[in-house]
Protein backbone atom coordinates (compact mmCIF):
# COMPACT_ATOMS: atom_id res chain seq x y z
CA MET A 1 10.31 -2.42 5.52
CA ARG A 2 11.43 -5.25 7.75
CA THR A 3 8.00 -6.62 8.65
CA GLN A 4 6.45 -6.47 5.17
CA ARG A 5 5.10 -9.87 4.14
CA GLN A 6 2.46 -11.58 2.00
CA VAL A 7 2.87 -9.10 -0.85
CA VAL A 8 0.31 -9.26 -3.67
CA ASP A 9 1.26 -7.38 -6.85
CA TYR A 10 -1.51 -6.33 -9.24
CA SER A 11 0.68 -5.28 -12.18
CA LEU A 12 -0.59 -8.06 -14.47
CA GLN A 13 -4.18 -6.99 -13.84
CA LYS A 14 -3.23 -3.37 -14.54
CA ARG A 15 -1.48 -4.32 -17.78
CA ALA A 16 -4.53 -6.28 -18.98
CA LEU A 17 -6.89 -3.40 -18.16
CA LEU A 18 -4.69 -0.87 -19.96
CA ARG A 19 -4.54 -3.15 -23.00
CA GLU A 20 -8.37 -3.16 -23.02
CA VAL A 21 -8.47 0.65 -22.70
CA HIS A 22 -5.94 1.28 -25.47
CA SER A 23 -7.71 -1.12 -27.82
CA GLY A 24 -11.01 0.69 -27.25
CA ARG A 25 -12.87 -2.20 -25.62
CA VAL A 26 -13.06 -0.31 -22.29
CA GLY A 27 -13.87 3.39 -22.17
CA ILE A 28 -11.61 5.94 -20.50
CA TYR A 29 -14.51 7.15 -18.36
CA GLU A 30 -14.83 3.65 -16.90
CA VAL A 31 -11.25 3.63 -15.58
CA CYS A 32 -10.77 7.33 -14.79
CA ASP A 33 -13.35 7.37 -12.02
CA ALA A 34 -11.42 8.32 -8.86
CA SER A 35 -13.72 9.56 -6.13
CA PRO A 36 -13.18 13.02 -4.62
CA TYR A 37 -12.10 11.29 -1.37
CA LEU A 38 -9.39 9.36 -3.20
CA LYS A 39 -8.16 12.50 -4.95
CA ASN A 40 -8.02 14.36 -1.63
CA ALA A 41 -6.16 11.46 -0.02
CA ALA A 42 -3.68 11.60 -2.90
CA ARG A 43 -3.20 15.32 -2.38
CA PHE A 44 -2.72 15.25 1.39
CA HIS A 45 -1.33 11.78 2.15
CA GLY A 46 0.00 10.55 -1.19
CA GLU A 47 3.52 9.97 -2.36
CA LEU A 48 4.36 11.40 -5.78
CA THR A 49 6.07 8.91 -8.11
CA ASP A 50 8.20 9.32 -11.23
CA ASP A 51 5.70 7.32 -13.32
CA ARG A 52 3.43 9.14 -15.76
CA CYS A 53 -0.28 8.36 -15.90
CA PRO A 54 -0.80 5.50 -18.39
CA VAL A 55 -4.06 7.03 -19.63
CA CYS A 56 -3.60 10.80 -19.98
CA ARG A 57 0.25 10.82 -19.89
CA ARG A 58 0.18 14.40 -18.54
CA GLU A 59 0.70 14.03 -14.79
CA ASN A 60 2.76 11.83 -12.53
CA LEU A 61 0.98 9.18 -10.50
CA THR A 62 0.55 9.43 -6.75
CA HIS A 63 0.57 6.39 -4.44
CA VAL A 64 -1.91 6.37 -1.56
CA HIS A 65 -1.48 3.86 1.30
CA TYR A 66 -4.67 2.71 3.03
CA ILE A 67 -4.47 0.70 6.25
CA TYR A 68 -6.94 -1.92 7.52
CA GLY A 69 -6.92 -4.19 10.53
CA ASP A 70 -8.90 -5.17 13.62
CA GLU A 71 -6.38 -3.63 16.01
CA LEU A 72 -6.57 -0.24 14.27
CA LYS A 73 -10.17 0.32 15.42
CA GLN A 74 -11.28 3.81 14.26
CA SER A 75 -8.06 4.29 12.26
CA ALA A 76 -8.95 1.43 9.91
CA GLY A 77 -9.59 2.60 6.37
CA GLN A 78 -7.54 5.75 6.69
CA ALA A 79 -4.94 6.91 4.20
CA ARG A 80 -1.47 7.24 5.73
CA SER A 81 1.80 8.54 4.38
CA LYS A 82 4.53 6.02 3.71
CA THR A 83 6.68 7.53 6.46
CA GLU A 84 4.04 6.67 9.08
CA LEU A 85 3.93 2.97 8.19
CA PRO A 86 7.13 1.83 10.00
CA VAL A 87 5.94 3.46 13.23
CA LEU A 88 2.55 1.78 12.90
CA ALA A 89 4.24 -1.54 12.10
CA MET A 90 6.08 -1.42 15.43
CA THR A 91 2.94 -0.33 17.29
CA PHE A 92 0.40 -2.90 16.06
CA ARG A 93 0.62 -6.68 15.78
CA GLU A 94 -0.74 -6.93 12.23
CA PHE A 95 -2.54 -4.79 9.68
CA GLN A 96 -3.00 -4.75 5.94
CA VAL A 97 -1.78 -2.00 3.60
CA PHE A 98 -3.37 -1.35 0.21
CA VAL A 99 -1.43 0.85 -2.21
CA VAL A 100 -3.53 2.66 -4.83
CA GLU A 101 -2.08 4.70 -7.68
CA VAL A 102 -4.01 7.81 -8.61
CA CYS A 103 -3.72 10.39 -11.36
CA ARG A 104 -4.93 13.65 -9.87
CA GLY A 105 -5.50 15.01 -13.38
CA CYS A 106 -7.69 12.50 -15.20
CA GLY A 107 -8.84 10.35 -12.27
CA TRP A 108 -7.14 7.07 -13.25
CA ASN A 109 -6.81 4.81 -10.21
CA HIS A 110 -5.77 1.23 -9.74
CA LEU A 111 -4.77 -1.03 -6.88
CA VAL A 112 -0.99 -1.52 -7.17
CA GLU A 113 -0.25 -3.91 -4.32
CA GLN A 114 -1.28 -5.07 -0.89
CA TYR A 115 0.80 -6.45 1.97
CA LEU A 116 0.81 -7.14 5.69
CA LEU A 117 2.77 -5.15 8.25
CA GLY A 118 3.14 -5.43 11.99
CA ARG A 119 5.12 -6.83 14.89
CA SER A 120 3.88 -10.39 14.36
CA GLY A 121 6.14 -10.51 11.29
CA LEU A 122 9.23 -10.26 13.50
CA ASP A 123 10.67 -13.62 14.53
CA GLU A 124 12.04 -12.93 18.00
CA SER A 125 13.52 -16.40 18.46
CA GLY A 126 15.45 -16.73 15.20
CA PRO A 127 19.23 -16.75 14.76
CA ASN A 128 19.20 -13.03 13.92
CA ALA A 129 17.33 -12.09 17.09
CA PRO A 130 19.08 -9.77 19.54
CA THR A 131 21.39 -11.57 21.96
CA SER A 132 19.39 -10.48 25.01
CA THR A 133 16.21 -11.97 23.53
CA ARG A 134 17.99 -15.27 22.76
CA ARG A 135 19.41 -15.44 26.28
CA ARG A 136 16.02 -14.80 27.87
CA ARG A 137 14.47 -17.54 25.74
CA GLU A 138 17.23 -20.02 26.53
CA ALA A 139 16.98 -19.22 30.24
CA ALA A 140 13.23 -19.85 30.18
CA GLU A 141 13.75 -23.29 28.64
């Protein structure tokens, strides 16, 4: 996505937690605690991945994209499909996306990454800006 910026990846945190689970220091019931709302969001708005669940290893993981931002008003906190995000990015100035992986079988869930989307990430005055935009800016100066 062209406007994606300020990406935070949580893979190191996930790896450390899984190491604790597999060594027995953290119980499976402590990490496989997805709420019914999260499981429903995974079913209706999620994106199935090719990755197997790291805990039960029976089902593929599903990514759920949650959006947050002041401009979103009542839409803030909703799960959206990945195909909706580019449209929203062109509609709103800035909002945050949180990607959560969920196993619909055992309930494993973990925050995968977060990033910003929105029109404010587009640099209209840069060298790659459309010619008409550059001309308007130069004419204004």
